[in-house]
């Protein structure tokens, strides 16, 4: 799958945080951080992405309580040391002949 996000700045920051936490062993087997960390990330990046589980109404209630507690305990949505780490390059296979990626411009 190829995904293009524009503008990508805040999405990139969120992705770096989530992948870095996983690399540091601070997520579960599915790559999900603990509830306090997740609440801080979800509330910071609610303009970028909406998580599907739990349902949005429950998220607002849960994260509204958990995020301030998480921040008070030192959890952050963006960790400067994550942004300073090098990103390993990933080789991507070229698309097969005849396959095109449609561009969506609203």
Protein backbone atom coordinates (compact mmCIF):
# COMPACT_ATOMS: atom_id res chain seq x y z
CA UNK A 1 0.00 0.00 0.00
CA UNK A 2 1.20 3.50 -0.75
CA UNK A 3 -0.31 6.41 1.16
CA UNK A 4 0.39 10.08 0.61
CA UNK A 5 -0.62 12.63 3.22
CA UNK A 6 -0.42 16.38 2.63
CA UNK A 7 0.51 18.34 4.59
CA UNK A 8 2.25 15.58 6.50
CA UNK A 9 4.16 17.42 9.24
CA UNK A 10 1.92 16.62 12.23
CA UNK A 11 1.08 13.14 10.95
CA UNK A 12 4.80 12.48 10.60
CA UNK A 13 5.39 13.61 14.20
CA UNK A 14 2.65 11.26 15.41
CA UNK A 15 3.98 8.33 13.38
CA UNK A 16 7.52 8.92 14.64
CA UNK A 17 6.25 8.94 18.22
CA UNK A 18 4.26 5.72 17.82
CA UNK A 19 7.00 3.83 15.96
CA UNK A 20 9.69 5.06 18.36
CA UNK A 21 7.67 3.96 21.38
CA UNK A 22 7.29 0.53 19.79
CA UNK A 23 11.01 0.36 19.04
CA UNK A 24 11.70 1.22 22.71
CA UNK A 25 9.40 -1.59 23.86
CA UNK A 26 6.80 0.83 25.26
CA UNK A 27 3.83 -0.66 23.42
CA UNK A 28 1.93 -3.91 23.57
CA UNK A 29 2.21 -6.68 20.96
CA UNK A 30 -0.13 -4.73 18.66
CA UNK A 31 1.99 -1.57 18.91
CA UNK A 32 -0.42 0.28 21.18
CA UNK A 33 1.03 2.38 24.03
CA UNK A 34 -0.39 2.21 27.54
CA UNK A 35 -3.73 4.04 28.02
CA UNK A 36 -2.20 7.18 29.57
CA UNK A 37 0.37 7.55 26.77
CA UNK A 38 -2.27 6.82 24.14
CA UNK A 39 -4.63 9.41 25.61
CA UNK A 40 -1.91 12.09 25.44
CA UNK A 41 -1.08 11.20 21.82
CA UNK A 42 -4.73 10.96 20.75
CA UNK A 43 -5.69 14.33 22.21
CA UNK A 44 -2.64 16.07 20.75
CA UNK A 45 -3.21 14.70 17.27
CA UNK A 46 -7.01 14.69 17.14
CA UNK A 47 -6.80 17.12 14.20
CA UNK A 48 -4.66 14.60 12.28
CA UNK A 49 -6.19 11.20 12.93
CA UNK A 50 -9.21 9.70 14.61
CA UNK A 51 -8.83 6.29 16.15
CA UNK A 52 -11.77 3.94 15.61
CA UNK A 53 -11.60 2.07 18.86
CA UNK A 54 -13.02 2.87 21.34
CA UNK A 55 -15.89 4.78 19.68
CA UNK A 56 -15.34 8.57 19.41
CA UNK A 57 -17.81 9.49 22.19
CA UNK A 58 -16.08 7.14 24.62
CA UNK A 59 -12.66 8.42 23.49
CA UNK A 60 -13.62 12.01 24.27
CA UNK A 61 -14.76 11.01 27.74
CA UNK A 62 -11.86 8.65 28.50
CA UNK A 63 -9.09 10.70 26.94
CA UNK A 64 -10.48 13.89 28.48
CA UNK A 65 -9.77 12.35 31.89
CA UNK A 66 -6.67 10.28 31.08
CA UNK A 67 -4.70 12.81 28.98
CA UNK A 68 -4.26 15.43 31.74
CA UNK A 69 -3.26 12.68 34.17
CA UNK A 70 -0.81 11.27 31.61
CA UNK A 71 0.76 14.69 31.01
CA UNK A 72 1.02 15.22 34.76
CA UNK A 73 2.92 11.91 34.99
CA UNK A 74 5.33 12.98 32.25
CA UNK A 75 3.88 11.39 29.12
CA UNK A 76 4.23 13.47 25.97
CA UNK A 77 2.79 13.35 22.48
CA UNK A 78 6.14 14.33 20.95
CA UNK A 79 9.49 13.36 22.45
CA UNK A 80 12.40 15.45 21.11
CA UNK A 81 14.81 12.49 21.25
CA UNK A 82 12.52 10.58 18.85
CA UNK A 83 12.72 13.38 16.31
CA UNK A 84 16.52 13.37 16.52
CA UNK A 85 16.85 9.64 15.75
CA UNK A 86 17.73 8.66 12.22
CA UNK A 87 15.05 7.06 10.12
CA UNK A 88 16.23 3.96 8.34
CA UNK A 89 15.54 3.98 4.64
CA UNK A 90 13.13 1.38 3.36
CA UNK A 91 13.42 -0.12 -0.07
CA UNK A 92 10.09 -0.05 -1.87
CA UNK A 93 9.49 -2.28 -4.85
CA UNK A 94 8.41 -0.44 -8.00
CA UNK A 95 4.80 -0.86 -9.05
CA UNK A 96 4.15 -3.51 -11.71
CA UNK A 97 3.74 -2.26 -15.27
CA UNK A 98 0.30 -0.85 -15.94
CA UNK A 99 -0.49 -0.11 -12.30
CA UNK A 100 -1.14 3.55 -11.54
CA UNK A 101 -1.95 5.29 -8.30
CA UNK A 102 -4.95 7.60 -8.57
CA UNK A 103 -4.50 11.05 -7.10
CA UNK A 104 -7.35 12.51 -5.09
CA UNK A 105 -7.56 16.30 -5.13
CA UNK A 106 -10.75 17.52 -3.44
